[in-house]
Structure formats: structure tokens, C-alpha cells
Amino acid sequence: MSYVEFLVTYSGRFLDGTLITLAQFGLAVLVATVAALISGLMKLARSRAVRTLATAYIELFRGTSLLVQLYWFYFVLPLFGFTMEKFTAGFVTVGLCYGAYGAELVRGAIQAVPRGQWEAALALNMSPTQRMRRIILPQALVTILPPWGNLMVEILKGTALVALISVADLMFETRQINNNTYLSAQAFGTALVIYYLFARFMVTPVMRWLERVMARKIGRT
């Protein structure tokens, strides 16, 4: 079978798997963003209990394997009465895992905002919420975005592991095609190209565009 014939035969399955991967990626990014923002802010809280809770989440998810976390969410939690559908378990676990890494980016970016900006916001009699929303976070976001782009690529690649709990994503379909045809080079080569195209021509351009937009908004060039 030529590669063209291979693509014609299995293009539908690759497309179906790719759509599931994109859904997993989008939802995982949403979970990671929320988790990173909340836990990053919690790390800066005055309350020691709040900081401890954030630290426990960050260290737990950063210090253990994403694969083990997937197995825990899908196979172990039901033993304690908490069951998730496999699609949900996939993006929630990936999002929480990479959200722990993102939390440190949020914390570091906020702390990198010049002290004068904090003092100016305080002089304007802004509430803590107003200071964070209108002054600090917009400037921190410019600092966050470059490493956050790398994190987005890692999330995309991390979604490949959800195939191991039988989510029918791109990697799952690729493995099934390989098991049926034994055409490993064609199957995994196609998957490799698809992942690369999405990382190079979807995630990276979007993040760079966001960097430029945010830099213009706060007057940086």
C-alpha cells in the first residue's frame, strides 16, 4: 500500500481523532488557565493556610507523572465514589497537571511587576481587586505569555496520553490503525506531522499574536 492509498483509506479516522485531540486541548487549556490563575494568586495570599493549599496542589501535580494522574482520575477515584467519563477525566487531568506549572508562571510574573506600579495603584485608592485587575495583571500577562506559549505546546503534546484511558483522540486512532495494518512508519509518521502542524501553525502564531496585542495595550513595543 502506497502512502497516498494509506491516507485515502484512513483519513477519516485521522480526522476524527484530530477533532477529539483539539477538543481535549481546548478544554485542557481552559482548565489549566483557571487553575494556574487561581493557584498563582493563592500563592501570594497573606493567609498561610491559603498559600499552603496552593503549594500542596502545585507540588502534587508537578511532582507526579501525568500518566499516573490519569490513571488515578479514571481508575482509582471511582473506588471512592467519584466517577468521571473518560473524555472528562482526560482534559481535567491534563489541565490540572499543566495548571500547576502555569501557577508558578503567574506568581513569578505578578511579582515581576515593578513595585512602583503597586504603589501608584495604592495611591489612586484602588481596592486590591481593582489593583490586580486593572494594573497588575495586564502587565504580568505580557511577561507570562512567552513561557505560556511553551506551556500550550506541552499541553497539546500531553493530550496524547489520554489515549491510554481509551479516549479516541489522534493517538488512540493512530495506535488502532497501526495494530490493524502494521504500517508503523505511515501511521505514527502521519500523527507526528499532525501534532507538529498544530503546534507550529496554530498554537505558536496565536500566542505570538497575543504577545503583540498585550504589548501594544500597555504601551510596550
N, C-alpha and C. Protein backbone atom coordinates (compact mmCIF):
# COMPACT_ATOMS: atom_id res chain seq x y z
N MET A 1 0.85 -1.20 0.00
CA MET A 1 0.00 0.00 0.00
C MET A 1 0.89 1.25 0.00
N SER A 2 0.66 2.13 -0.97
CA SER A 2 1.42 3.38 -1.02
C SER A 2 0.92 4.32 0.08
N TYR A 3 1.72 5.36 0.37
CA TYR A 3 1.33 6.29 1.41
C TYR A 3 0.06 7.05 1.03
N VAL A 4 -0.08 7.37 -0.25
CA VAL A 4 -1.29 8.06 -0.71
C VAL A 4 -2.51 7.19 -0.48
N GLU A 5 -2.40 5.91 -0.82
CA GLU A 5 -3.52 4.98 -0.58
C GLU A 5 -3.81 4.85 0.91
N PHE A 6 -2.76 4.84 1.70
CA PHE A 6 -2.91 4.77 3.15
C PHE A 6 -3.71 5.97 3.67
N LEU A 7 -3.34 7.18 3.22
CA LEU A 7 -4.04 8.38 3.64
C LEU A 7 -5.50 8.38 3.20
N VAL A 8 -5.73 7.96 1.96
CA VAL A 8 -7.10 7.91 1.45
C VAL A 8 -7.95 6.95 2.28
N THR A 9 -7.37 5.82 2.64
CA THR A 9 -8.10 4.80 3.38
C THR A 9 -8.41 5.23 4.81
N TYR A 10 -7.44 5.85 5.46
CA TYR A 10 -7.57 6.11 6.89
C TYR A 10 -7.71 7.60 7.24
N SER A 11 -7.89 8.44 6.24
CA SER A 11 -8.00 9.87 6.52
C SER A 11 -9.18 10.19 7.44
N GLY A 12 -10.28 9.46 7.29
CA GLY A 12 -11.45 9.71 8.14
C GLY A 12 -11.15 9.45 9.60
N ARG A 13 -10.42 8.39 9.88
CA ARG A 13 -10.09 8.07 11.27
C ARG A 13 -9.09 9.08 11.83
N PHE A 14 -8.14 9.50 11.02
CA PHE A 14 -7.20 10.52 11.47
C PHE A 14 -7.94 11.83 11.76
N LEU A 15 -8.91 12.16 10.92
CA LEU A 15 -9.68 13.39 11.13
C LEU A 15 -10.49 13.32 12.41
N ASP A 16 -11.16 12.18 12.62
CA ASP A 16 -11.95 12.02 13.85
C ASP A 16 -11.06 12.15 15.08
N GLY A 17 -9.91 11.49 15.05
CA GLY A 17 -9.00 11.57 16.18
C GLY A 17 -8.46 12.97 16.39
N THR A 18 -8.19 13.67 15.30
CA THR A 18 -7.68 15.04 15.41
C THR A 18 -8.70 15.97 16.04
N LEU A 19 -9.96 15.81 15.68
CA LEU A 19 -11.01 16.65 16.27
C LEU A 19 -11.14 16.42 17.77
N ILE A 20 -11.02 15.15 18.20
CA ILE A 20 -11.07 14.85 19.62
C ILE A 20 -9.85 15.45 20.32
N THR A 21 -8.69 15.36 19.69
CA THR A 21 -7.48 15.95 20.27
C THR A 21 -7.63 17.46 20.43
N LEU A 22 -8.18 18.12 19.43
CA LEU A 22 -8.39 19.57 19.52
C LEU A 22 -9.37 19.92 20.64
N ALA A 23 -10.42 19.10 20.80
CA ALA A 23 -11.37 19.34 21.89
C ALA A 23 -10.69 19.14 23.24
N GLN A 24 -9.90 18.08 23.36
CA GLN A 24 -9.16 17.84 24.60
C GLN A 24 -8.20 19.00 24.88
N PHE A 25 -7.52 19.45 23.85
CA PHE A 25 -6.56 20.55 24.01
C PHE A 25 -7.25 21.83 24.47
N GLY A 26 -8.32 22.21 23.78
CA GLY A 26 -9.02 23.44 24.13
C GLY A 26 -9.55 23.43 25.55
N LEU A 27 -10.17 22.31 25.95
CA LEU A 27 -10.73 22.22 27.30
C LEU A 27 -9.62 22.14 28.35
N ALA A 28 -8.53 21.44 28.03
CA ALA A 28 -7.41 21.35 28.96
C ALA A 28 -6.76 22.73 29.17
N VAL A 29 -6.66 23.51 28.10
CA VAL A 29 -6.12 24.87 28.21
C VAL A 29 -7.01 25.71 29.13
N LEU A 30 -8.32 25.57 28.99
CA LEU A 30 -9.24 26.32 29.84
C LEU A 30 -9.06 25.94 31.31
N VAL A 31 -9.00 24.64 31.58
CA VAL A 31 -8.81 24.18 32.96
C VAL A 31 -7.46 24.65 33.50
N ALA A 32 -6.41 24.53 32.68
CA ALA A 32 -5.06 24.93 33.10
C ALA A 32 -5.00 26.42 33.40
N THR A 33 -5.66 27.23 32.57
CA THR A 33 -5.63 28.68 32.76
C THR A 33 -6.31 29.08 34.06
N VAL A 34 -7.48 28.51 34.30
CA VAL A 34 -8.21 28.82 35.54
C VAL A 34 -7.42 28.34 36.75
N ALA A 35 -6.91 27.10 36.69
CA ALA A 35 -6.17 26.55 37.82
C ALA A 35 -4.90 27.34 38.08
N ALA A 36 -4.20 27.73 37.02
CA ALA A 36 -2.96 28.49 37.18
C ALA A 36 -3.22 29.86 37.78
N LEU A 37 -4.25 30.54 37.30
CA LEU A 37 -4.55 31.88 37.80
C LEU A 37 -4.94 31.84 39.28
N ILE A 38 -5.84 30.91 39.61
CA ILE A 38 -6.32 30.83 41.00
C ILE A 38 -5.19 30.42 41.94
N SER A 39 -4.47 29.36 41.60
CA SER A 39 -3.42 28.89 42.50
C SER A 39 -2.23 29.84 42.53
N GLY A 40 -1.94 30.52 41.40
CA GLY A 40 -0.88 31.51 41.40
C GLY A 40 -1.18 32.67 42.33
N LEU A 41 -2.43 33.14 42.30
CA LEU A 41 -2.84 34.21 43.21
C LEU A 41 -2.86 33.73 44.66
N MET A 42 -3.28 32.48 44.85
CA MET A 42 -3.29 31.93 46.21
C MET A 42 -1.89 31.85 46.81
N LYS A 43 -0.88 31.61 45.95
CA LYS A 43 0.50 31.56 46.44
C LYS A 43 0.96 32.90 46.99
N LEU A 44 0.30 33.98 46.56
CA LEU A 44 0.67 35.32 47.00
C LEU A 44 -0.23 35.83 48.13
N ALA A 45 -1.15 35.00 48.57
CA ALA A 45 -2.10 35.42 49.60
C ALA A 45 -1.40 35.65 50.94
N ARG A 46 -1.99 36.47 51.77
CA ARG A 46 -1.43 36.73 53.10
C ARG A 46 -1.66 35.55 54.03
N SER A 47 -2.75 34.83 53.80
CA SER A 47 -3.09 33.70 54.67
C SER A 47 -2.14 32.53 54.42
N ARG A 48 -1.54 32.04 55.49
CA ARG A 48 -0.64 30.90 55.36
C ARG A 48 -1.38 29.65 54.93
N ALA A 49 -2.61 29.49 55.40
CA ALA A 49 -3.40 28.31 55.03
C ALA A 49 -3.69 28.29 53.54
N VAL A 50 -4.00 29.46 52.99
CA VAL A 50 -4.27 29.55 51.54
C VAL A 50 -3.01 29.25 50.75
N ARG A 51 -1.89 29.80 51.17
CA ARG A 51 -0.62 29.52 50.49
C ARG A 51 -0.26 28.04 50.57
N THR A 52 -0.51 27.44 51.71
CA THR A 52 -0.21 26.01 51.89
C THR A 52 -1.06 25.15 50.97
N LEU A 53 -2.34 25.51 50.85
CA LEU A 53 -3.25 24.76 49.97
C LEU A 53 -2.77 24.84 48.52
N ALA A 54 -2.39 26.05 48.07
CA ALA A 54 -1.90 26.22 46.71
C ALA A 54 -0.60 25.45 46.49
N THR A 55 0.28 25.50 47.48
CA THR A 55 1.55 24.79 47.36
C THR A 55 1.34 23.28 47.28
N ALA A 56 0.40 22.77 48.06
CA ALA A 56 0.12 21.33 48.04
C ALA A 56 -0.36 20.90 46.65
N TYR A 57 -1.27 21.68 46.05
CA TYR A 57 -1.75 21.36 44.70
C TYR A 57 -0.61 21.40 43.69
N ILE A 58 0.19 22.47 43.73
CA ILE A 58 1.26 22.65 42.75
C ILE A 58 2.29 21.53 42.87
N GLU A 59 2.73 21.24 44.09
CA GLU A 59 3.77 20.23 44.26
C GLU A 59 3.26 18.83 43.94
N LEU A 60 2.01 18.56 44.26
CA LEU A 60 1.44 17.23 43.96
C LEU A 60 1.40 16.98 42.46
N PHE A 61 0.89 17.95 41.71
CA PHE A 61 0.73 17.73 40.27
C PHE A 61 2.04 17.90 39.51
N ARG A 62 2.95 18.72 40.00
CA ARG A 62 4.24 18.85 39.34
C ARG A 62 5.16 17.68 39.67
N GLY A 63 4.96 17.10 40.84
CA GLY A 63 5.89 16.08 41.31
C GLY A 63 5.51 14.65 40.97
N THR A 64 4.37 14.46 40.30
CA THR A 64 3.95 13.12 39.92
C THR A 64 3.71 13.05 38.41
N SER A 65 3.74 11.85 37.88
CA SER A 65 3.60 11.65 36.44
C SER A 65 2.18 11.94 35.97
N LEU A 66 2.07 12.58 34.83
CA LEU A 66 0.75 12.83 34.24
C LEU A 66 0.04 11.51 33.96
N LEU A 67 0.76 10.50 33.54
CA LEU A 67 0.14 9.20 33.27
C LEU A 67 -0.46 8.61 34.54
N VAL A 68 0.28 8.68 35.63
CA VAL A 68 -0.24 8.18 36.91
C VAL A 68 -1.46 8.98 37.33
N GLN A 69 -1.43 10.28 37.13
CA GLN A 69 -2.58 11.11 37.46
C GLN A 69 -3.81 10.71 36.65
N LEU A 70 -3.61 10.43 35.36
CA LEU A 70 -4.72 9.98 34.52
C LEU A 70 -5.33 8.70 35.06
N TYR A 71 -4.48 7.77 35.42
CA TYR A 71 -4.97 6.50 35.96
C TYR A 71 -5.71 6.71 37.28
N TRP A 72 -5.22 7.62 38.11
CA TRP A 72 -5.89 7.90 39.36
C TRP A 72 -7.27 8.50 39.12
N PHE A 73 -7.36 9.48 38.25
CA PHE A 73 -8.64 10.12 37.99
C PHE A 73 -9.65 9.15 37.38
N TYR A 74 -9.17 8.28 36.50
CA TYR A 74 -10.12 7.43 35.77
C TYR A 74 -10.37 6.08 36.44
N PHE A 75 -9.34 5.49 37.06
CA PHE A 75 -9.49 4.15 37.62
C PHE A 75 -9.60 4.12 39.15
N VAL A 76 -8.93 5.05 39.83
CA VAL A 76 -8.87 4.98 41.29
C VAL A 76 -10.00 5.77 41.95
N LEU A 77 -10.25 6.99 41.48
CA LEU A 77 -11.29 7.81 42.11
C LEU A 77 -12.66 7.13 42.15
N PRO A 78 -13.04 6.34 41.11
CA PRO A 78 -14.34 5.63 41.22
C PRO A 78 -14.42 4.70 42.43
N LEU A 79 -13.28 4.23 42.93
CA LEU A 79 -13.29 3.37 44.12
C LEU A 79 -13.74 4.15 45.35
N PHE A 80 -13.63 5.47 45.29
CA PHE A 80 -14.06 6.34 46.39
C PHE A 80 -15.39 7.03 46.08
N GLY A 81 -16.07 6.55 45.04
CA GLY A 81 -17.39 7.06 44.72
C GLY A 81 -17.43 8.27 43.82
N PHE A 82 -16.27 8.62 43.22
CA PHE A 82 -16.23 9.79 42.33
C PHE A 82 -15.84 9.32 40.94
N THR A 83 -16.83 9.24 40.04
CA THR A 83 -16.61 8.69 38.71
C THR A 83 -16.65 9.79 37.66
N MET A 84 -15.70 9.73 36.73
CA MET A 84 -15.66 10.65 35.61
C MET A 84 -15.72 9.87 34.30
N GLU A 85 -16.45 10.41 33.33
CA GLU A 85 -16.40 9.85 31.99
C GLU A 85 -14.99 10.04 31.44
N LYS A 86 -14.53 9.11 30.62
CA LYS A 86 -13.12 9.12 30.21
C LYS A 86 -12.72 10.40 29.48
N PHE A 87 -13.61 10.96 28.66
CA PHE A 87 -13.29 12.20 27.96
C PHE A 87 -13.04 13.32 28.97
N THR A 88 -13.92 13.41 29.97
CA THR A 88 -13.78 14.44 31.00
C THR A 88 -12.53 14.22 31.83
N ALA A 89 -12.29 12.98 32.23
CA ALA A 89 -11.10 12.68 33.02
C ALA A 89 -9.84 13.08 32.27
N GLY A 90 -9.85 12.93 30.95
CA GLY A 90 -8.68 13.27 30.15
C GLY A 90 -8.32 14.74 30.23
N PHE A 91 -9.24 15.62 29.84
CA PHE A 91 -8.88 17.04 29.79
C PHE A 91 -8.76 17.65 31.18
N VAL A 92 -9.52 17.16 32.16
CA VAL A 92 -9.39 17.68 33.52
C VAL A 92 -8.01 17.37 34.08
N THR A 93 -7.56 16.13 33.90
CA THR A 93 -6.25 15.76 34.44
C THR A 93 -5.13 16.51 33.75
N VAL A 94 -5.16 16.58 32.43
CA VAL A 94 -4.12 17.30 31.70
C VAL A 94 -4.13 18.78 32.11
N GLY A 95 -5.31 19.37 32.22
CA GLY A 95 -5.41 20.77 32.60
C GLY A 95 -4.88 21.04 33.99
N LEU A 96 -5.23 20.18 34.95
CA LEU A 96 -4.76 20.38 36.32
C LEU A 96 -3.26 20.18 36.42
N CYS A 97 -2.74 19.21 35.68
CA CYS A 97 -1.30 18.96 35.70
C CYS A 97 -0.52 20.17 35.21
N TYR A 98 -0.86 20.67 34.05
CA TYR A 98 -0.12 21.79 33.49
C TYR A 98 -0.52 23.12 34.13
N GLY A 99 -1.69 23.16 34.75
CA GLY A 99 -2.06 24.34 35.52
C GLY A 99 -1.12 24.55 36.70
N ALA A 100 -0.61 23.45 37.25
CA ALA A 100 0.34 23.55 38.36
C ALA A 100 1.64 24.22 37.90
N TYR A 101 2.08 23.89 36.69
CA TYR A 101 3.26 24.57 36.14
C TYR A 101 2.94 26.04 35.85
N GLY A 102 1.75 26.28 35.31
CA GLY A 102 1.36 27.64 34.99
C GLY A 102 1.22 28.52 36.21
N ALA A 103 0.88 27.92 37.35
CA ALA A 103 0.73 28.71 38.58
C ALA A 103 2.01 29.42 38.95
N GLU A 104 3.13 28.75 38.76
CA GLU A 104 4.41 29.39 39.08
C GLU A 104 4.73 30.51 38.08
N LEU A 105 4.28 30.36 36.84
CA LEU A 105 4.45 31.45 35.87
C LEU A 105 3.64 32.67 36.29
N VAL A 106 2.41 32.42 36.74
CA VAL A 106 1.55 33.52 37.19
C VAL A 106 2.18 34.22 38.39
N ARG A 107 2.59 33.43 39.37
CA ARG A 107 3.19 34.02 40.57
C ARG A 107 4.43 34.83 40.22
N GLY A 108 5.31 34.27 39.41
CA GLY A 108 6.54 34.98 39.07
C GLY A 108 6.28 36.25 38.27
N ALA A 109 5.31 36.19 37.35
CA ALA A 109 5.01 37.37 36.53
C ALA A 109 4.42 38.49 37.37
N ILE A 110 3.56 38.15 38.32
CA ILE A 110 2.97 39.17 39.19
C ILE A 110 4.04 39.82 40.06
N GLN A 111 4.92 39.00 40.58
CA GLN A 111 5.98 39.55 41.43
C GLN A 111 7.00 40.36 40.63
N ALA A 112 7.04 40.13 39.31
CA ALA A 112 7.98 40.88 38.46
C ALA A 112 7.48 42.27 38.10
N VAL A 113 6.21 42.55 38.34
CA VAL A 113 5.68 43.89 38.07
C VAL A 113 6.39 44.88 38.99
N PRO A 114 6.94 45.97 38.46
CA PRO A 114 7.71 46.92 39.30
C PRO A 114 6.92 47.40 40.50
N ARG A 115 7.62 47.55 41.60
CA ARG A 115 6.98 47.95 42.85
C ARG A 115 6.28 49.31 42.71
N GLY A 116 6.82 50.16 41.86
CA GLY A 116 6.20 51.46 41.68
C GLY A 116 4.78 51.38 41.15
N GLN A 117 4.49 50.36 40.36
CA GLN A 117 3.13 50.18 39.84
C GLN A 117 2.15 49.84 40.96
N TRP A 118 2.60 49.03 41.90
CA TRP A 118 1.76 48.70 43.04
C TRP A 118 1.50 49.96 43.88
N GLU A 119 2.55 50.73 44.09
CA GLU A 119 2.42 51.93 44.91
C GLU A 119 1.54 52.98 44.24
N ALA A 120 1.65 53.07 42.90
CA ALA A 120 0.81 54.03 42.18
C ALA A 120 -0.66 53.65 42.27
N ALA A 121 -0.95 52.36 42.13
CA ALA A 121 -2.33 51.89 42.25
C ALA A 121 -2.87 52.14 43.64
N LEU A 122 -2.01 51.95 44.64
CA LEU A 122 -2.43 52.20 46.02
C LEU A 122 -2.69 53.69 46.24
N ALA A 123 -1.86 54.55 45.62
CA ALA A 123 -2.03 55.99 45.75
C ALA A 123 -3.34 56.46 45.11
N LEU A 124 -3.80 55.72 44.10
CA LEU A 124 -5.07 56.06 43.46
C LEU A 124 -6.27 55.53 44.23
N ASN A 125 -6.00 54.97 45.41
CA ASN A 125 -7.04 54.47 46.30
C ASN A 125 -7.85 53.34 45.66
N MET A 126 -7.20 52.51 44.88
CA MET A 126 -7.86 51.34 44.29
C MET A 126 -7.95 50.22 45.32
N SER A 127 -9.02 49.46 45.22
CA SER A 127 -9.15 48.28 46.08
C SER A 127 -8.17 47.21 45.60
N PRO A 128 -7.86 46.20 46.43
CA PRO A 128 -6.95 45.13 45.99
C PRO A 128 -7.40 44.46 44.70
N THR A 129 -8.72 44.26 44.56
CA THR A 129 -9.23 43.63 43.34
C THR A 129 -9.02 44.53 42.13
N GLN A 130 -9.30 45.82 42.29
CA GLN A 130 -9.09 46.77 41.19
C GLN A 130 -7.62 46.87 40.81
N ARG A 131 -6.74 46.90 41.82
CA ARG A 131 -5.31 46.97 41.53
C ARG A 131 -4.86 45.77 40.70
N MET A 132 -5.31 44.60 41.11
CA MET A 132 -4.89 43.38 40.42
C MET A 132 -5.48 43.34 39.01
N ARG A 133 -6.76 43.67 38.87
CA ARG A 133 -7.44 43.54 37.57
C ARG A 133 -7.02 44.60 36.58
N ARG A 134 -6.82 45.84 37.03
CA ARG A 134 -6.59 46.95 36.10
C ARG A 134 -5.12 47.34 35.93
N ILE A 135 -4.31 47.05 36.92
CA ILE A 135 -2.91 47.49 36.86
C ILE A 135 -1.92 46.32 36.78
N ILE A 136 -2.04 45.40 37.71
CA ILE A 136 -1.01 44.37 37.86
C ILE A 136 -1.13 43.26 36.82
N LEU A 137 -2.33 42.66 36.71
CA LEU A 137 -2.47 41.51 35.80
C LEU A 137 -2.19 41.85 34.33
N PRO A 138 -2.65 43.01 33.80
CA PRO A 138 -2.31 43.32 32.41
C PRO A 138 -0.81 43.37 32.15
N GLN A 139 -0.05 43.92 33.11
CA GLN A 139 1.40 43.97 32.93
C GLN A 139 2.03 42.59 33.13
N ALA A 140 1.50 41.83 34.08
CA ALA A 140 2.02 40.48 34.31
C ALA A 140 1.76 39.58 33.11
N LEU A 141 0.63 39.82 32.44
CA LEU A 141 0.28 38.99 31.29
C LEU A 141 1.31 39.08 30.18
N VAL A 142 1.87 40.26 29.98
CA VAL A 142 2.91 40.43 28.95
C VAL A 142 4.13 39.57 29.28
N THR A 143 4.45 39.48 30.56
CA THR A 143 5.58 38.66 30.99
C THR A 143 5.26 37.17 30.90
N ILE A 144 4.01 36.82 31.17
CA ILE A 144 3.61 35.42 31.18
C ILE A 144 3.58 34.81 29.79
N LEU A 145 3.12 35.58 28.79
CA LEU A 145 2.77 34.99 27.50
C LEU A 145 3.88 34.20 26.81
N PRO A 146 5.13 34.67 26.75
CA PRO A 146 6.16 33.87 26.06
C PRO A 146 6.33 32.46 26.66
N PRO A 147 6.54 32.33 27.99
CA PRO A 147 6.62 30.96 28.52
C PRO A 147 5.29 30.23 28.48
N TRP A 148 4.19 30.98 28.51
CA TRP A 148 2.87 30.33 28.44
C TRP A 148 2.68 29.67 27.07
N GLY A 149 3.24 30.26 26.02
CA GLY A 149 3.18 29.62 24.71
C GLY A 149 3.84 28.25 24.72
N ASN A 150 4.98 28.14 25.40
CA ASN A 150 5.63 26.84 25.53
C ASN A 150 4.74 25.86 26.30
N LEU A 151 4.07 26.38 27.32
CA LEU A 151 3.18 25.52 28.11
C LEU A 151 2.02 25.01 27.26
N MET A 152 1.51 25.86 26.36
CA MET A 152 0.42 25.43 25.48
C MET A 152 0.86 24.27 24.58
N VAL A 153 2.08 24.35 24.08
CA VAL A 153 2.60 23.26 23.25
C VAL A 153 2.71 21.98 24.08
N GLU A 154 3.16 22.12 25.33
CA GLU A 154 3.27 20.96 26.20
C GLU A 154 1.90 20.35 26.48
N ILE A 155 0.89 21.20 26.64
CA ILE A 155 -0.46 20.68 26.85
C ILE A 155 -0.93 19.90 25.63
N LEU A 156 -0.67 20.44 24.43
CA LEU A 156 -1.04 19.74 23.20
C LEU A 156 -0.40 18.37 23.16
N LYS A 157 0.88 18.30 23.46
CA LYS A 157 1.56 17.01 23.44
C LYS A 157 1.08 16.10 24.57
N GLY A 158 0.76 16.71 25.72
CA GLY A 158 0.29 15.92 26.85
C GLY A 158 -1.03 15.24 26.59
N THR A 159 -1.86 15.82 25.73
CA THR A 159 -3.16 15.20 25.45
C THR A 159 -3.01 13.83 24.80
N ALA A 160 -1.84 13.54 24.22
CA ALA A 160 -1.64 12.23 23.59
C ALA A 160 -1.79 11.10 24.61
N LEU A 161 -1.54 11.39 25.89
CA LEU A 161 -1.62 10.35 26.90
C LEU A 161 -3.05 9.92 27.21
N VAL A 162 -4.03 10.75 26.85
CA VAL A 162 -5.41 10.36 27.16
C VAL A 162 -5.82 9.13 26.36
N ALA A 163 -5.07 8.79 25.31
CA ALA A 163 -5.34 7.56 24.56
C ALA A 163 -5.22 6.33 25.46
N LEU A 164 -4.42 6.44 26.52
CA LEU A 164 -4.18 5.29 27.40
C LEU A 164 -5.35 5.01 28.33
N ILE A 165 -6.33 5.93 28.39
CA ILE A 165 -7.57 5.61 29.09
C ILE A 165 -8.71 5.50 28.07
N SER A 166 -8.33 5.20 26.82
CA SER A 166 -9.27 4.88 25.74
C SER A 166 -10.09 6.05 25.23
N VAL A 167 -9.60 7.28 25.40
CA VAL A 167 -10.21 8.42 24.72
C VAL A 167 -9.79 8.34 23.25
N ALA A 168 -10.77 8.42 22.35
CA ALA A 168 -10.50 8.17 20.93
C ALA A 168 -9.90 9.40 20.24
N ASP A 169 -8.76 9.84 20.75
CA ASP A 169 -8.08 11.00 20.17
C ASP A 169 -7.18 10.56 19.02
N LEU A 170 -6.34 11.49 18.56
CA LEU A 170 -5.46 11.19 17.43
C LEU A 170 -4.52 10.04 17.75
N MET A 171 -3.95 10.03 18.94
CA MET A 171 -3.02 8.96 19.29
C MET A 171 -3.72 7.62 19.39
N PHE A 172 -4.92 7.60 19.93
CA PHE A 172 -5.69 6.36 20.03
C PHE A 172 -5.98 5.79 18.65
N GLU A 173 -6.46 6.65 17.75
CA GLU A 173 -6.78 6.19 16.39
C GLU A 173 -5.51 5.72 15.67
N THR A 174 -4.40 6.42 15.90
CA THR A 174 -3.14 6.03 15.26
C THR A 174 -2.72 4.65 15.72
N ARG A 175 -2.83 4.39 17.01
CA ARG A 175 -2.47 3.06 17.53
C ARG A 175 -3.37 1.98 16.96
N GLN A 176 -4.67 2.29 16.84
CA GLN A 176 -5.59 1.30 16.28
C GLN A 176 -5.26 1.01 14.82
N ILE A 177 -4.95 2.06 14.07
CA ILE A 177 -4.58 1.87 12.66
C ILE A 177 -3.30 1.04 12.56
N ASN A 178 -2.34 1.34 13.42
CA ASN A 178 -1.09 0.58 13.40
C ASN A 178 -1.32 -0.88 13.75
N ASN A 179 -2.19 -1.14 14.74
CA ASN A 179 -2.47 -2.51 15.14
C ASN A 179 -3.16 -3.30 14.03
N ASN A 180 -3.94 -2.60 13.20
CA ASN A 180 -4.66 -3.27 12.12
C ASN A 180 -3.81 -3.46 10.86
N THR A 181 -2.87 -2.57 10.64
CA THR A 181 -2.13 -2.60 9.37
C THR A 181 -0.65 -2.93 9.53
N TYR A 182 -0.10 -2.72 10.72
CA TYR A 182 1.35 -2.87 10.97
C TYR A 182 2.18 -1.90 10.11
N LEU A 183 1.56 -0.83 9.66
CA LEU A 183 2.28 0.19 8.90
C LEU A 183 2.69 1.30 9.86
N SER A 184 3.66 1.00 10.69
CA SER A 184 4.03 1.89 11.79
C SER A 184 4.56 3.23 11.30
N ALA A 185 5.41 3.18 10.26
CA ALA A 185 6.01 4.43 9.77
C ALA A 185 4.93 5.36 9.24
N GLN A 186 3.99 4.82 8.48
CA GLN A 186 2.93 5.65 7.92
C GLN A 186 1.99 6.18 9.01
N ALA A 187 1.61 5.29 9.95
CA ALA A 187 0.64 5.68 10.98
C ALA A 187 1.23 6.72 11.92
N PHE A 188 2.36 6.39 12.54
CA PHE A 188 2.93 7.30 13.52
C PHE A 188 3.59 8.51 12.85
N GLY A 189 4.04 8.34 11.62
CA GLY A 189 4.58 9.48 10.88
C GLY A 189 3.50 10.51 10.59
N THR A 190 2.31 10.04 10.24
CA THR A 190 1.20 10.96 10.00
C THR A 190 0.80 11.69 11.28
N ALA A 191 0.74 10.95 12.39
CA ALA A 191 0.40 11.58 13.67
C ALA A 191 1.44 12.63 14.05
N LEU A 192 2.71 12.30 13.83
CA LEU A 192 3.79 13.24 14.15
C LEU A 192 3.62 14.55 13.38
N VAL A 193 3.32 14.43 12.10
CA VAL A 193 3.15 15.62 11.26
C VAL A 193 1.96 16.45 11.72
N ILE A 194 0.87 15.78 12.07
CA ILE A 194 -0.33 16.50 12.51
C ILE A 194 -0.06 17.27 13.79
N TYR A 195 0.57 16.61 14.77
CA TYR A 195 0.91 17.30 16.02
C TYR A 195 1.82 18.50 15.75
N TYR A 196 2.81 18.30 14.88
CA TYR A 196 3.74 19.39 14.56
C TYR A 196 3.02 20.57 13.90
N LEU A 197 2.14 20.27 12.95
CA LEU A 197 1.44 21.34 12.25
C LEU A 197 0.58 22.17 13.20
N PHE A 198 -0.07 21.49 14.13
CA PHE A 198 -0.90 22.23 15.08
C PHE A 198 -0.03 23.08 16.01
N ALA A 199 1.09 22.53 16.47
CA ALA A 199 1.96 23.29 17.36
C ALA A 199 2.59 24.47 16.64
N ARG A 200 3.04 24.23 15.41
CA ARG A 200 3.79 25.26 14.68
C ARG A 200 2.90 26.31 14.05
N PHE A 201 1.74 25.89 13.53
CA PHE A 201 0.92 26.82 12.75
C PHE A 201 -0.40 27.21 13.41
N MET A 202 -0.67 26.66 14.61
CA MET A 202 -1.87 27.09 15.33
C MET A 202 -1.49 27.71 16.67
N VAL A 203 -0.84 26.93 17.52
CA VAL A 203 -0.55 27.41 18.87
C VAL A 203 0.47 28.55 18.85
N THR A 204 1.60 28.34 18.19
CA THR A 204 2.68 29.35 18.21
C THR A 204 2.24 30.69 17.61
N PRO A 205 1.61 30.73 16.42
CA PRO A 205 1.18 32.03 15.88
C PRO A 205 0.17 32.75 16.77
N VAL A 206 -0.77 32.00 17.36
CA VAL A 206 -1.77 32.62 18.22
C VAL A 206 -1.11 33.25 19.44
N MET A 207 -0.17 32.55 20.05
CA MET A 207 0.49 33.08 21.24
C MET A 207 1.33 34.31 20.89
N ARG A 208 2.00 34.28 19.75
CA ARG A 208 2.80 35.44 19.36
C ARG A 208 1.91 36.64 19.05
N TRP A 209 0.76 36.39 18.46
CA TRP A 209 -0.20 37.47 18.21
C TRP A 209 -0.68 38.07 19.53
N LEU A 210 -0.97 37.22 20.50
CA LEU A 210 -1.40 37.72 21.80
C LEU A 210 -0.31 38.54 22.47
N GLU A 211 0.94 38.12 22.32
CA GLU A 211 2.05 38.89 22.88
C GLU A 211 2.07 40.30 22.31
N ARG A 212 1.90 40.40 20.98
CA ARG A 212 1.93 41.73 20.35
C ARG A 212 0.74 42.57 20.79
N VAL A 213 -0.42 41.97 20.88
CA VAL A 213 -1.62 42.70 21.28
C VAL A 213 -1.48 43.25 22.69
N MET A 214 -1.03 42.40 23.62
CA MET A 214 -0.92 42.84 25.01
C MET A 214 0.19 43.87 25.17
N ALA A 215 1.28 43.72 24.41
CA ALA A 215 2.36 44.70 24.49
C ALA A 215 1.88 46.08 24.03
N ARG A 216 1.06 46.11 22.96
CA ARG A 216 0.52 47.38 22.48
C ARG A 216 -0.45 47.98 23.49
N LYS A 217 -1.22 47.12 24.17
CA LYS A 217 -2.23 47.62 25.10
C LYS A 217 -1.62 48.36 26.26
N ILE A 218 -0.44 47.91 26.70
CA ILE A 218 0.16 48.58 27.85
C ILE A 218 1.29 49.53 27.41
N GLY A 219 1.38 49.78 26.10
CA GLY A 219 2.30 50.78 25.62
C GLY A 219 3.72 50.30 25.41
N ARG A 220 3.92 48.97 25.34
CA ARG A 220 5.25 48.45 25.07
C ARG A 220 5.37 48.11 23.59
N THR A 221 6.56 48.24 23.02
CA THR A 221 6.76 47.90 21.62
C THR A 221 7.73 46.74 21.53
